[in-house]
Amino acid sequence: MTKRIDALDVLRGVAILGTLASNIWIFTEPNGPAGFLALGGGVVERFLLFLSNGKFLGLLTLLFGIGLELQYRSAVRKGLRWPGRYLWRATLLFVEGALHYVLIFEFDVLMGYAITSVIVAYLIGRSDRVVRAWMIGAGALHVLLVTLLTAALLAGGGAVSGTATSLYTEGSWPDQVAARLQNLAVYRSELILIIPMGTVLFLLGARLLRAGVFDERGAALRRRLTFLGLGVAAPLNLVTTFAGPAWFAVDRYVLPPLVALGLLGLITSIVLGLRGEPGPVRTAVTNVGRTALSCYVLQNLIASALCYGWGLGLAAQLDWLRPWWVPVAWAAICLLFAALASLWLRRFQRGPLELAWQWAYQAPLPSGAVR
């Protein structure tokens, strides 16, 4: 049994809270994802989106890579074949993501993580030379794709179409499910960017864990990450936020992952520097991190029920209060699922989806097999 890394739970909690801070702008847009991609809104809305857009996606991706490294270490320690049953784990993650996409949210990331994890699972135990080559190759591909997309948007005047639709204000839940299935190629096209970016960040997360980023010997490394992410990348990211719609891909998929490295370094340093029993805020964030999958799905379900026409329809009713009501909605949803996570963990060791997922993972094993 290995010692639990406290900072990881806090980081996962922050990543889940931050993911909603980005996605909430989609849920509260009356025209849905198309309206969000039009990148309208005034200075305040653009700045608020800057604070979250892509950064917590990058942090969550790094943490998935760290988790994969821990799974690899566990398999080696137990003498199990690798990737072995990890491929079943990735399959379950893909199925979970597919259900989440179809039933709840157009921009699910779990499907992309599942595909990426299969690629990285075959690389995680290879030599530094092989891993470095794959990181360079995947990174170069990612930058090339972002460059081509940005050049196309610049050539087209930077316009991203946002078609008016009543689907999210008046449409039923089955209507939205049907729309996701009909527009599968459009909504899942983000995977073209997520997979190469994820390959780099998964492998980088594993390397950071090996470099001691979560223990005392990693203090200098954490300072460098904080400076790179928050001192260099974040100001550049602020510029791209206001540079116009043509810079959308750079603003979400290039600079924010670098900012995420700064967040990882800073938050880890803060957690390691704390003494005494955790306070209520840290405890709540930790509990969200321990039930990350459940909270990720639940936050999107709650946001859908609050904002869409088949629920309370607040996206249309409160559009006149945009952007001011959006952070309030985010805070209310976060408080709700943080409270639910804390109550759940008083009786159970894992979140509800984590328990179901663990059962599905272990179900095919014969009785008495090493788990």
Protein backbone atom coordinates (compact mmCIF):
# COMPACT_ATOMS: atom_id res chain seq x y z
CA MET A 1 0.00 0.00 0.00
CA THR A 2 1.46 3.36 -1.05
CA LYS A 3 0.90 6.62 0.82
CA ARG A 4 -1.88 8.76 -0.62
CA ILE A 5 -0.69 12.03 -2.15
CA ASP A 6 -2.86 14.69 -0.46
CA ALA A 7 -2.02 17.36 -3.03
CA LEU A 8 -3.46 15.17 -5.80
CA ASP A 9 -6.93 15.16 -4.25
CA VAL A 10 -6.81 18.93 -3.83
CA LEU A 11 -5.63 19.40 -7.41
CA ARG A 12 -8.38 17.13 -8.74
CA GLY A 13 -10.94 19.10 -6.76
CA VAL A 14 -9.63 22.41 -8.12
CA ALA A 15 -9.63 20.97 -11.66
CA ILE A 16 -13.26 19.85 -11.37
CA LEU A 17 -14.37 23.21 -9.95
CA GLY A 18 -12.41 25.01 -12.65
CA THR A 19 -13.80 22.83 -15.43
CA LEU A 20 -17.30 23.96 -14.52
CA ALA A 21 -16.06 27.57 -14.44
CA SER A 22 -15.29 27.14 -18.14
CA ASN A 23 -18.30 25.01 -19.12
CA ILE A 24 -20.82 27.21 -17.30
CA TRP A 25 -20.52 29.77 -20.10
CA ILE A 26 -21.77 27.13 -22.55
CA PHE A 27 -24.71 26.09 -20.38
CA THR A 28 -25.81 29.69 -19.78
CA GLU A 29 -25.67 30.64 -23.46
CA PRO A 30 -29.27 30.59 -24.83
CA ASN A 31 -28.00 29.44 -28.24
CA GLY A 32 -25.99 26.62 -26.69
CA PRO A 33 -22.53 25.57 -27.90
CA ALA A 34 -22.88 27.37 -31.25
CA GLY A 35 -23.58 30.63 -29.48
CA PHE A 36 -20.61 30.10 -27.17
CA LEU A 37 -18.25 29.36 -30.09
CA ALA A 38 -19.24 32.69 -31.67
CA LEU A 39 -17.16 34.21 -28.83
CA GLY A 40 -19.37 37.20 -28.22
CA GLY A 41 -19.73 39.01 -24.92
CA GLY A 42 -18.14 42.12 -23.56
CA VAL A 43 -14.88 42.82 -21.77
CA VAL A 44 -16.08 41.48 -18.42
CA GLU A 45 -17.30 38.20 -19.89
CA ARG A 46 -14.12 37.67 -21.90
CA PHE A 47 -11.98 38.32 -18.80
CA LEU A 48 -14.02 35.96 -16.64
CA LEU A 49 -13.70 33.28 -19.31
CA PHE A 50 -9.95 33.93 -19.48
CA LEU A 51 -9.65 32.89 -15.84
CA SER A 52 -10.79 29.34 -16.62
CA ASN A 53 -10.82 28.62 -20.35
CA GLY A 54 -8.59 25.62 -21.10
CA LYS A 55 -6.54 25.97 -17.94
CA PHE A 56 -8.38 23.41 -15.85
CA LEU A 57 -8.77 21.14 -18.86
CA GLY A 58 -4.96 21.22 -19.01
CA LEU A 59 -4.66 20.61 -15.27
CA LEU A 60 -7.11 17.70 -15.41
CA THR A 61 -5.16 16.22 -18.33
CA LEU A 62 -1.89 16.43 -16.41
CA LEU A 63 -3.55 14.72 -13.46
CA PHE A 64 -4.81 11.89 -15.66
CA GLY A 65 -1.22 11.31 -16.75
CA ILE A 66 -0.09 11.26 -13.13
CA GLY A 67 -2.85 8.78 -12.34
CA LEU A 68 -1.76 6.56 -15.22
CA GLU A 69 1.80 6.58 -13.88
CA LEU A 70 0.49 5.51 -10.46
CA GLN A 71 -1.48 2.69 -12.09
CA TYR A 72 1.66 1.57 -13.90
CA ARG A 73 3.66 1.58 -10.66
CA SER A 74 0.95 -0.45 -8.94
CA ALA A 75 1.00 -3.06 -11.72
CA VAL A 76 4.79 -3.34 -11.59
CA ARG A 77 4.74 -3.62 -7.80
CA LYS A 78 2.22 -6.47 -7.98
CA GLY A 79 4.06 -8.21 -10.80
CA LEU A 80 1.14 -7.82 -13.22
CA ARG A 81 1.44 -7.63 -16.98
CA TRP A 82 1.21 -4.09 -18.37
CA PRO A 83 -0.91 -2.62 -19.87
CA GLY A 84 -2.94 -5.77 -19.30
CA ARG A 85 -6.21 -4.91 -17.57
CA TYR A 86 -5.55 -1.19 -17.89
CA LEU A 87 -7.02 -1.52 -21.39
CA TRP A 88 -10.29 -2.63 -19.80
CA ARG A 89 -10.11 0.45 -17.56
CA ALA A 90 -9.68 2.62 -20.67
CA THR A 91 -12.65 0.89 -22.31
CA LEU A 92 -14.86 1.66 -19.34
CA LEU A 93 -13.70 5.27 -19.41
CA PHE A 94 -14.60 5.50 -23.10
CA VAL A 95 -18.07 4.05 -22.47
CA GLU A 96 -18.58 6.47 -19.57
CA GLY A 97 -17.54 9.36 -21.80
CA ALA A 98 -19.79 8.25 -24.65
CA LEU A 99 -22.81 8.06 -22.34
CA HIS A 100 -21.93 11.44 -20.85
CA TYR A 101 -21.67 12.95 -24.33
CA VAL A 102 -24.93 11.52 -25.64
CA LEU A 103 -27.04 12.05 -22.53
CA ILE A 104 -25.65 15.24 -20.98
CA PHE A 105 -22.90 17.34 -22.56
CA GLU A 106 -21.51 18.00 -26.04
CA PHE A 107 -17.94 18.70 -24.94
CA ASP A 108 -17.17 15.63 -22.82
CA VAL A 109 -13.42 15.00 -22.45
CA LEU A 110 -13.51 11.44 -21.10
CA MET A 111 -13.68 9.84 -24.55
CA GLY A 112 -10.53 11.69 -25.58
CA TYR A 113 -8.80 10.74 -22.34
CA ALA A 114 -9.70 7.08 -22.88
CA ILE A 115 -8.16 7.01 -26.36
CA THR A 116 -5.11 8.92 -25.18
CA SER A 117 -4.63 6.62 -22.20
CA VAL A 118 -4.38 3.59 -24.49
CA ILE A 119 -1.61 5.27 -26.49
CA VAL A 120 0.27 6.40 -23.39
CA ALA A 121 -0.16 3.05 -21.62
CA TYR A 122 2.18 1.51 -24.19
CA LEU A 123 4.72 4.33 -23.69
CA ILE A 124 4.72 4.84 -19.92
CA GLY A 125 7.33 2.19 -19.19
CA ARG A 126 9.58 2.91 -22.16
CA SER A 127 12.96 4.63 -22.06
CA ASP A 128 13.36 8.37 -21.62
CA ARG A 129 14.50 8.59 -25.24
CA VAL A 130 11.33 6.96 -26.57
CA VAL A 131 9.06 9.02 -24.31
CA ARG A 132 10.84 12.24 -25.25
CA ALA A 133 10.51 11.43 -28.96
CA TRP A 134 6.78 10.81 -28.61
CA MET A 135 6.31 14.03 -26.64
CA ILE A 136 8.13 16.03 -29.30
CA GLY A 137 6.23 14.36 -32.11
CA ALA A 138 2.81 14.72 -30.51
CA GLY A 139 3.60 18.29 -29.48
CA ALA A 140 4.70 19.21 -33.00
CA LEU A 141 1.52 17.67 -34.43
CA HIS A 142 -0.59 19.60 -31.92
CA VAL A 143 1.08 22.91 -32.72
CA LEU A 144 0.74 22.22 -36.46
CA LEU A 145 -3.00 21.52 -36.13
CA VAL A 146 -3.54 24.66 -34.04
CA THR A 147 -1.51 26.73 -36.51
CA LEU A 148 -3.51 25.45 -39.49
CA LEU A 149 -6.80 26.11 -37.71
CA THR A 150 -5.71 29.59 -36.65
CA ALA A 151 -4.50 30.42 -40.16
CA ALA A 152 -7.83 29.27 -41.60
CA LEU A 153 -9.76 31.43 -39.14
CA LEU A 154 -7.54 34.44 -39.85
CA ALA A 155 -8.01 33.94 -43.60
CA GLY A 156 -11.76 33.79 -43.07
CA GLY A 157 -11.80 37.00 -41.10
CA GLY A 158 -11.85 35.24 -37.74
CA ALA A 159 -15.56 34.56 -37.90
CA VAL A 160 -16.99 31.61 -36.03
CA SER A 161 -20.65 31.07 -36.88
CA GLY A 162 -23.14 31.11 -34.06
CA THR A 163 -26.56 30.08 -35.35
CA ALA A 164 -29.65 31.10 -33.41
CA THR A 165 -31.54 28.06 -32.17
CA SER A 166 -34.37 27.29 -29.80
CA LEU A 167 -33.05 23.78 -29.06
CA TYR A 168 -31.61 24.75 -25.68
CA THR A 169 -34.37 27.14 -24.62
CA GLU A 170 -37.43 25.26 -25.86
CA GLY A 171 -36.25 21.82 -26.95
CA SER A 172 -36.81 18.70 -24.89
CA TRP A 173 -34.09 16.48 -23.48
CA PRO A 174 -34.69 13.83 -26.21
CA ASP A 175 -34.34 16.60 -28.82
CA GLN A 176 -30.92 17.49 -27.44
CA VAL A 177 -29.85 13.84 -27.34
CA ALA A 178 -30.89 13.47 -30.99
CA ALA A 179 -28.96 16.63 -31.90
CA ARG A 180 -25.79 15.29 -30.28
CA LEU A 181 -26.09 12.06 -32.24
CA GLN A 182 -26.77 13.93 -35.49
CA ASN A 183 -23.83 16.31 -34.97
CA LEU A 184 -21.40 13.71 -33.67
CA ALA A 185 -18.66 14.63 -36.18
CA VAL A 186 -18.89 18.32 -35.30
CA TYR A 187 -18.90 18.03 -31.53
CA ARG A 188 -16.34 15.23 -31.37
CA SER A 189 -13.91 17.05 -33.71
CA GLU A 190 -12.28 18.49 -30.58
CA LEU A 191 -10.67 15.06 -30.12
CA ILE A 192 -8.36 15.92 -33.04
CA LEU A 193 -6.73 18.46 -30.73
CA ILE A 194 -7.34 16.73 -27.40
CA ILE A 195 -5.50 13.49 -28.29
CA PRO A 196 -2.08 14.90 -29.34
CA MET A 197 -2.24 17.52 -26.58
CA GLY A 198 -3.28 14.85 -24.11
CA THR A 199 -0.44 12.56 -25.16
CA VAL A 200 2.07 15.28 -24.31
CA LEU A 201 0.42 16.22 -21.02
CA PHE A 202 -0.14 12.61 -19.90
CA LEU A 203 3.55 11.83 -20.44
CA LEU A 204 4.60 15.14 -18.90
CA GLY A 205 2.46 14.45 -15.82
CA ALA A 206 4.14 11.05 -15.41
CA ARG A 207 7.58 12.62 -15.73
CA LEU A 208 6.76 15.34 -13.20
CA LEU A 209 5.69 12.68 -10.70
CA ARG A 210 8.98 10.85 -11.23
CA ALA A 211 10.86 14.13 -10.82
CA GLY A 212 9.41 14.54 -7.31
CA VAL A 213 6.98 17.39 -7.94
CA PHE A 214 4.86 16.23 -4.96
CA ASP A 215 7.61 15.95 -2.37
CA GLU A 216 10.21 18.16 -0.75
CA ARG A 217 12.87 17.52 -3.39
CA GLY A 218 10.60 19.13 -5.99
CA ALA A 219 10.55 22.64 -4.49
CA ALA A 220 12.77 24.14 -7.20
CA LEU A 221 10.79 22.35 -9.92
CA ARG A 222 7.52 23.72 -8.55
CA ARG A 223 8.94 27.26 -8.52
CA ARG A 224 9.97 26.93 -12.17
CA LEU A 225 6.55 25.60 -13.13
CA THR A 226 4.81 28.43 -11.29
CA PHE A 227 6.95 31.07 -13.01
CA LEU A 228 6.49 29.53 -16.47
CA GLY A 229 2.76 29.08 -16.11
CA LEU A 230 1.65 32.13 -14.15
CA GLY A 231 4.49 34.55 -14.86
CA VAL A 232 4.93 33.93 -18.59
CA ALA A 233 2.07 31.96 -20.13
CA ALA A 234 -0.83 33.60 -18.25
CA PRO A 235 -0.07 37.19 -19.47
CA LEU A 236 0.27 35.90 -23.04
CA ASN A 237 -3.01 34.03 -22.62
CA LEU A 238 -4.70 37.25 -21.53
CA VAL A 239 -3.57 38.84 -24.81
CA THR A 240 -4.97 35.99 -26.93
CA THR A 241 -8.26 36.16 -25.02
CA PHE A 242 -8.89 39.63 -26.43
CA ALA A 243 -7.15 39.07 -29.78
CA GLY A 244 -10.34 37.93 -31.48
CA PRO A 245 -12.14 34.70 -32.42
CA ALA A 246 -9.41 33.66 -34.87
CA TRP A 247 -7.10 32.96 -31.93
CA PHE A 248 -9.58 30.61 -30.27
CA ALA A 249 -7.39 27.48 -30.62
CA VAL A 250 -4.26 29.18 -29.27
CA ASP A 251 -6.32 30.71 -26.47
CA ARG A 252 -7.67 27.29 -25.40
CA TYR A 253 -5.23 24.56 -26.47
CA VAL A 254 -1.71 26.05 -26.44
CA LEU A 255 -1.22 28.63 -23.69
CA PRO A 256 -3.69 27.30 -21.08
CA PRO A 257 -1.87 23.95 -20.67
CA LEU A 258 1.24 25.97 -19.79
CA VAL A 259 -0.79 27.98 -17.28
CA ALA A 260 -1.97 24.63 -15.87
CA LEU A 261 1.65 23.75 -15.09
CA GLY A 262 1.85 26.93 -13.04
CA LEU A 263 -1.32 26.01 -11.19
CA LEU A 264 0.04 22.55 -10.44
CA GLY A 265 3.27 24.01 -9.08
CA LEU A 266 1.59 26.72 -7.00
CA ILE A 267 -1.23 24.62 -5.52
CA THR A 268 1.11 21.75 -4.67
CA SER A 269 3.49 24.16 -2.90
CA ILE A 270 0.61 25.63 -0.91
CA VAL A 271 -0.70 22.20 0.15
CA LEU A 272 2.76 20.98 1.15
CA GLY A 273 3.29 24.15 3.16
CA LEU A 274 0.10 23.79 5.19
CA ARG A 275 0.33 22.56 8.74
CA GLY A 276 -2.32 21.24 11.09
CA GLU A 277 -5.74 19.82 10.32
CA PRO A 278 -7.38 20.80 7.02
CA GLY A 279 -9.92 23.62 7.24
CA PRO A 280 -13.44 23.48 5.76
CA VAL A 281 -12.42 24.86 2.36
CA ARG A 282 -9.55 22.43 1.86
CA THR A 283 -11.69 19.56 3.12
CA ALA A 284 -14.49 20.41 0.68
CA VAL A 285 -12.09 20.68 -2.27
CA THR A 286 -10.41 17.42 -1.26
CA ASN A 287 -13.77 15.65 -1.11
CA VAL A 288 -14.59 16.89 -4.59
CA GLY A 289 -11.23 15.53 -5.73
CA ARG A 290 -11.93 12.13 -4.16
CA THR A 291 -15.25 11.97 -6.04
CA ALA A 292 -13.99 13.69 -9.17
CA LEU A 293 -15.80 11.54 -11.75
CA SER A 294 -19.13 11.78 -9.94
CA CYS A 295 -18.78 15.54 -9.48
CA TYR A 296 -17.76 16.05 -13.12
CA VAL A 297 -20.90 14.34 -14.39
CA LEU A 298 -23.16 15.76 -11.67
CA GLN A 299 -22.10 19.37 -12.25
CA ASN A 300 -22.99 19.12 -15.94
CA LEU A 301 -26.30 17.45 -15.16
CA ILE A 302 -27.22 20.13 -12.61
CA ALA A 303 -26.16 22.93 -14.97
CA SER A 304 -28.29 21.40 -17.75
CA ALA A 305 -31.33 21.16 -15.48
CA LEU A 306 -30.92 24.76 -14.34
CA CYS A 307 -30.19 26.34 -17.71
CA TYR A 308 -31.97 24.39 -20.46
CA GLY A 309 -35.60 24.64 -21.48
CA TRP A 310 -36.47 21.13 -20.31
CA GLY A 311 -35.43 22.25 -16.82
CA LEU A 312 -35.73 25.68 -15.21
CA GLY A 313 -34.68 27.48 -18.42
CA LEU A 314 -32.53 30.07 -16.63
CA ALA A 315 -30.24 30.60 -19.64
CA ALA A 316 -33.06 32.37 -21.49
CA GLN A 317 -34.76 33.92 -18.47
CA LEU A 318 -31.60 35.50 -17.07
CA ASP A 319 -29.85 36.36 -20.33
CA TRP A 320 -30.44 40.04 -19.58
CA LEU A 321 -28.26 39.61 -16.46
CA ARG A 322 -25.36 38.06 -18.36
CA PRO A 323 -22.48 37.96 -17.49
CA TRP A 324 -23.17 38.81 -13.85
CA TRP A 325 -25.43 35.88 -13.02
CA VAL A 326 -23.08 33.30 -14.55
CA PRO A 327 -20.43 33.32 -11.76
CA VAL A 328 -23.25 33.14 -9.21
CA ALA A 329 -24.64 30.04 -10.94
CA TRP A 330 -21.15 28.52 -10.98
CA ALA A 331 -20.63 29.16 -7.25
CA ALA A 332 -24.06 27.76 -6.34
CA ILE A 333 -23.52 24.54 -8.30
CA CYS A 334 -20.03 24.12 -6.82
CA LEU A 335 -21.34 24.55 -3.28
CA LEU A 336 -24.08 22.00 -3.96
CA PHE A 337 -21.91 19.19 -5.30
CA ALA A 338 -19.15 19.91 -2.78
CA ALA A 339 -21.72 19.50 0.02
CA LEU A 340 -23.10 16.33 -1.56
CA ALA A 341 -19.60 14.90 -1.95
CA SER A 342 -18.81 15.60 1.70
CA LEU A 343 -22.04 13.97 2.88
CA TRP A 344 -21.50 10.93 0.66
CA LEU A 345 -17.95 10.34 1.87
CA ARG A 346 -19.12 10.15 5.46
CA ARG A 347 -20.50 6.69 4.61
CA PHE A 348 -18.57 5.54 1.56
CA GLN A 349 -14.92 5.44 0.52
CA ARG A 350 -15.63 6.36 -3.11
CA GLY A 351 -18.15 8.46 -5.02
CA PRO A 352 -21.25 6.78 -6.49
CA LEU A 353 -19.95 6.64 -10.05
CA GLU A 354 -16.53 5.60 -8.78
CA LEU A 355 -18.14 2.68 -6.94
CA ALA A 356 -20.11 1.59 -10.00
CA TRP A 357 -17.02 2.01 -12.16
CA GLN A 358 -14.87 -0.04 -9.77
CA TRP A 359 -17.48 -2.80 -9.74
CA ALA A 360 -17.54 -2.88 -13.54
CA TYR A 361 -13.74 -2.94 -13.63
CA GLN A 362 -13.47 -5.88 -11.22
CA ALA A 363 -16.54 -7.83 -12.40
CA PRO A 364 -14.75 -9.86 -15.12
CA LEU A 365 -12.03 -11.00 -12.69
CA PRO A 366 -12.28 -14.56 -11.37
CA SER A 367 -12.80 -14.96 -7.64
CA GLY A 368 -9.53 -14.60 -5.72
CA ALA A 369 -7.66 -12.91 -8.58
CA VAL A 370 -5.18 -10.12 -7.86
CA ARG A 371 -6.95 -6.78 -8.16
